[in-house]
Amino acid sequence: MSDEKKVLIDVDIKATAALKELAELRIKADELRKAQKELDTTTEEGRTQYDERGQELNGIFESYFCYHSNTKK
């Protein structure tokens, strides 16, 4: 029975770490969206930076959805 408690504690720690990581991803995504809104997309430099932020956002979303789909198994 003590082995079962150890497994449950390990699962709790992993869940806590996962929730923290997901919260950090969300904060980073919000920061990137804000940065995109502040860019002047009427210039070539602004459009390039906008696209770069969009690619970073896509990476964050892929990380989130990849992780999220793996936790539902």
N, C-alpha and C. Protein backbone atom coordinates (compact mmCIF):
# COMPACT_ATOMS: atom_id res chain seq x y z
N MET A 1 0.83 -1.20 0.00
CA MET A 1 0.00 0.00 0.00
C MET A 1 0.87 1.26 0.00
N SER A 2 2.00 1.23 0.67
CA SER A 2 2.87 2.41 0.69
C SER A 2 3.40 2.70 -0.72
N ASP A 3 3.58 1.67 -1.56
CA ASP A 3 4.01 1.90 -2.93
C ASP A 3 2.96 2.71 -3.69
N GLU A 4 1.69 2.45 -3.45
CA GLU A 4 0.63 3.19 -4.12
C GLU A 4 0.68 4.67 -3.73
N LYS A 5 0.95 4.97 -2.49
CA LYS A 5 1.04 6.36 -2.05
C LYS A 5 2.19 7.07 -2.75
N LYS A 6 3.30 6.39 -2.94
CA LYS A 6 4.43 7.00 -3.63
C LYS A 6 4.06 7.34 -5.07
N VAL A 7 3.34 6.47 -5.72
CA VAL A 7 2.92 6.73 -7.10
C VAL A 7 1.98 7.93 -7.14
N LEU A 8 1.06 8.02 -6.22
CA LEU A 8 0.14 9.14 -6.19
C LEU A 8 0.86 10.46 -5.94
N ILE A 9 1.84 10.45 -5.08
CA ILE A 9 2.62 11.66 -4.82
C ILE A 9 3.36 12.07 -6.09
N ASP A 10 3.95 11.12 -6.78
CA ASP A 10 4.67 11.40 -8.02
C ASP A 10 3.73 12.00 -9.06
N VAL A 11 2.53 11.48 -9.17
CA VAL A 11 1.55 12.01 -10.12
C VAL A 11 1.18 13.43 -9.75
N ASP A 12 0.98 13.71 -8.48
CA ASP A 12 0.65 15.06 -8.04
C ASP A 12 1.75 16.05 -8.39
N ILE A 13 2.98 15.65 -8.20
CA ILE A 13 4.11 16.53 -8.51
C ILE A 13 4.16 16.80 -10.01
N LYS A 14 3.97 15.79 -10.82
CA LYS A 14 3.98 15.97 -12.26
C LYS A 14 2.83 16.85 -12.72
N ALA A 15 1.66 16.70 -12.12
CA ALA A 15 0.53 17.53 -12.48
C ALA A 15 0.78 18.99 -12.12
N THR A 16 1.36 19.22 -10.97
CA THR A 16 1.67 20.58 -10.54
C THR A 16 2.68 21.22 -11.49
N ALA A 17 3.70 20.49 -11.86
CA ALA A 17 4.71 21.01 -12.79
C ALA A 17 4.09 21.28 -14.16
N ALA A 18 3.22 20.42 -14.59
CA ALA A 18 2.56 20.59 -15.89
C ALA A 18 1.68 21.83 -15.89
N LEU A 19 0.93 22.03 -14.83
CA LEU A 19 0.06 23.20 -14.74
C LEU A 19 0.88 24.49 -14.72
N LYS A 20 2.01 24.46 -14.05
CA LYS A 20 2.88 25.62 -14.02
C LYS A 20 3.42 25.92 -15.41
N GLU A 21 3.84 24.89 -16.12
CA GLU A 21 4.37 25.07 -17.48
C GLU A 21 3.30 25.62 -18.42
N LEU A 22 2.09 25.10 -18.31
CA LEU A 22 1.00 25.60 -19.16
C LEU A 22 0.67 27.06 -18.84
N ALA A 23 0.72 27.43 -17.59
CA ALA A 23 0.47 28.83 -17.22
C ALA A 23 1.55 29.73 -17.80
N GLU A 24 2.80 29.28 -17.77
CA GLU A 24 3.89 30.06 -18.34
C GLU A 24 3.73 30.22 -19.85
N LEU A 25 3.29 29.15 -20.53
CA LEU A 25 3.05 29.23 -21.97
C LEU A 25 1.95 30.23 -22.29
N ARG A 26 0.92 30.24 -21.48
CA ARG A 26 -0.18 31.17 -21.70
C ARG A 26 0.27 32.62 -21.51
N ILE A 27 1.06 32.86 -20.49
CA ILE A 27 1.58 34.22 -20.25
C ILE A 27 2.44 34.66 -21.43
N LYS A 28 3.31 33.77 -21.91
CA LYS A 28 4.17 34.10 -23.04
C LYS A 28 3.33 34.39 -24.29
N ALA A 29 2.28 33.61 -24.52
CA ALA A 29 1.40 33.82 -25.67
C ALA A 29 0.71 35.18 -25.56
N ASP A 30 0.25 35.52 -24.38
CA ASP A 30 -0.40 36.82 -24.18
C ASP A 30 0.57 37.97 -24.45
N GLU A 31 1.82 37.80 -24.02
CA GLU A 31 2.83 38.84 -24.27
C GLU A 31 3.10 39.00 -25.76
N LEU A 32 3.16 37.88 -26.48
CA LEU A 32 3.41 37.94 -27.92
C LEU A 32 2.24 38.60 -28.66
N ARG A 33 1.02 38.27 -28.24
CA ARG A 33 -0.16 38.91 -28.87
C ARG A 33 -0.14 40.41 -28.64
N LYS A 34 0.20 40.82 -27.43
CA LYS A 34 0.28 42.25 -27.12
C LYS A 34 1.35 42.92 -27.98
N ALA A 35 2.49 42.27 -28.11
CA ALA A 35 3.57 42.82 -28.93
C ALA A 35 3.13 42.95 -30.38
N GLN A 36 2.39 41.97 -30.87
CA GLN A 36 1.89 42.04 -32.25
C GLN A 36 0.97 43.24 -32.44
N LYS A 37 0.09 43.47 -31.48
CA LYS A 37 -0.86 44.58 -31.59
C LYS A 37 -0.16 45.94 -31.62
N GLU A 38 0.99 46.02 -30.98
CA GLU A 38 1.71 47.29 -30.89
C GLU A 38 2.60 47.57 -32.11
N LEU A 39 2.74 46.59 -33.00
CA LEU A 39 3.61 46.77 -34.15
C LEU A 39 2.94 47.61 -35.24
N ASP A 40 3.75 48.36 -35.95
CA ASP A 40 3.28 49.13 -37.10
C ASP A 40 3.44 48.24 -38.34
N THR A 41 2.35 47.60 -38.75
CA THR A 41 2.41 46.66 -39.86
C THR A 41 2.34 47.35 -41.22
N THR A 42 2.36 48.67 -41.23
CA THR A 42 2.39 49.38 -42.51
C THR A 42 3.82 49.44 -43.05
N THR A 43 4.80 49.06 -42.24
CA THR A 43 6.19 49.04 -42.69
C THR A 43 6.64 47.61 -42.89
N GLU A 44 7.66 47.42 -43.71
CA GLU A 44 8.21 46.08 -43.96
C GLU A 44 8.75 45.48 -42.66
N GLU A 45 9.45 46.28 -41.89
CA GLU A 45 10.01 45.80 -40.63
C GLU A 45 8.89 45.37 -39.67
N GLY A 46 7.83 46.15 -39.60
CA GLY A 46 6.70 45.81 -38.73
C GLY A 46 6.02 44.53 -39.15
N ARG A 47 5.85 44.35 -40.46
CA ARG A 47 5.22 43.12 -40.96
C ARG A 47 6.10 41.91 -40.66
N THR A 48 7.42 42.09 -40.83
CA THR A 48 8.35 40.99 -40.54
C THR A 48 8.29 40.61 -39.07
N GLN A 49 8.32 41.60 -38.19
CA GLN A 49 8.24 41.33 -36.76
C GLN A 49 6.90 40.69 -36.39
N TYR A 50 5.83 41.16 -37.04
CA TYR A 50 4.50 40.58 -36.79
C TYR A 50 4.51 39.09 -37.15
N ASP A 51 5.08 38.77 -38.31
CA ASP A 51 5.15 37.38 -38.74
C ASP A 51 6.01 36.54 -37.79
N GLU A 52 7.12 37.12 -37.32
CA GLU A 52 7.99 36.40 -36.39
C GLU A 52 7.25 36.10 -35.09
N ARG A 53 6.51 37.07 -34.58
CA ARG A 53 5.73 36.85 -33.35
C ARG A 53 4.67 35.78 -33.59
N GLY A 54 4.08 35.80 -34.79
CA GLY A 54 3.08 34.79 -35.13
C GLY A 54 3.67 33.39 -35.15
N GLN A 55 4.89 33.27 -35.66
CA GLN A 55 5.55 31.97 -35.67
C GLN A 55 5.86 31.51 -34.24
N GLU A 56 6.25 32.44 -33.39
CA GLU A 56 6.50 32.09 -31.98
C GLU A 56 5.20 31.63 -31.32
N LEU A 57 4.10 32.32 -31.63
CA LEU A 57 2.80 31.93 -31.08
C LEU A 57 2.42 30.53 -31.55
N ASN A 58 2.64 30.25 -32.82
CA ASN A 58 2.33 28.91 -33.33
C ASN A 58 3.12 27.85 -32.60
N GLY A 59 4.38 28.14 -32.30
CA GLY A 59 5.19 27.19 -31.55
C GLY A 59 4.64 26.95 -30.15
N ILE A 60 4.17 28.03 -29.53
CA ILE A 60 3.57 27.89 -28.20
C ILE A 60 2.30 27.07 -28.26
N PHE A 61 1.45 27.35 -29.26
CA PHE A 61 0.20 26.60 -29.39
C PHE A 61 0.47 25.13 -29.68
N GLU A 62 1.48 24.86 -30.51
CA GLU A 62 1.82 23.47 -30.79
C GLU A 62 2.30 22.77 -29.52
N SER A 63 3.11 23.45 -28.72
CA SER A 63 3.57 22.88 -27.46
C SER A 63 2.40 22.57 -26.55
N TYR A 64 1.47 23.53 -26.45
CA TYR A 64 0.32 23.36 -25.57
C TYR A 64 -0.55 22.21 -26.03
N PHE A 65 -0.90 22.20 -27.31
CA PHE A 65 -1.82 21.17 -27.79
C PHE A 65 -1.17 19.80 -27.83
N CYS A 66 0.11 19.75 -28.11
CA CYS A 66 0.82 18.47 -28.08
C CYS A 66 0.83 17.94 -26.66
N TYR A 67 1.16 18.79 -25.70
CA TYR A 67 1.17 18.37 -24.30
C TYR A 67 -0.23 18.00 -23.84
N HIS A 68 -1.19 18.86 -24.17
CA HIS A 68 -2.56 18.67 -23.71
C HIS A 68 -3.14 17.37 -24.26
N SER A 69 -2.87 17.04 -25.51
CA SER A 69 -3.41 15.81 -26.08
C SER A 69 -2.74 14.60 -25.46
N ASN A 70 -1.47 14.71 -25.05
CA ASN A 70 -0.79 13.59 -24.41
C ASN A 70 -1.30 13.32 -23.02
N THR A 71 -1.85 14.30 -22.34
CA THR A 71 -2.33 14.11 -20.97
C THR A 71 -3.71 13.48 -20.94
N LYS A 72 -4.41 13.45 -22.05
CA LYS A 72 -5.76 12.88 -22.07
C LYS A 72 -5.78 11.38 -22.29
N LYS A 73 -4.62 10.77 -22.51
CA LYS A 73 -4.55 9.33 -22.77
C LYS A 73 -4.86 8.53 -21.54
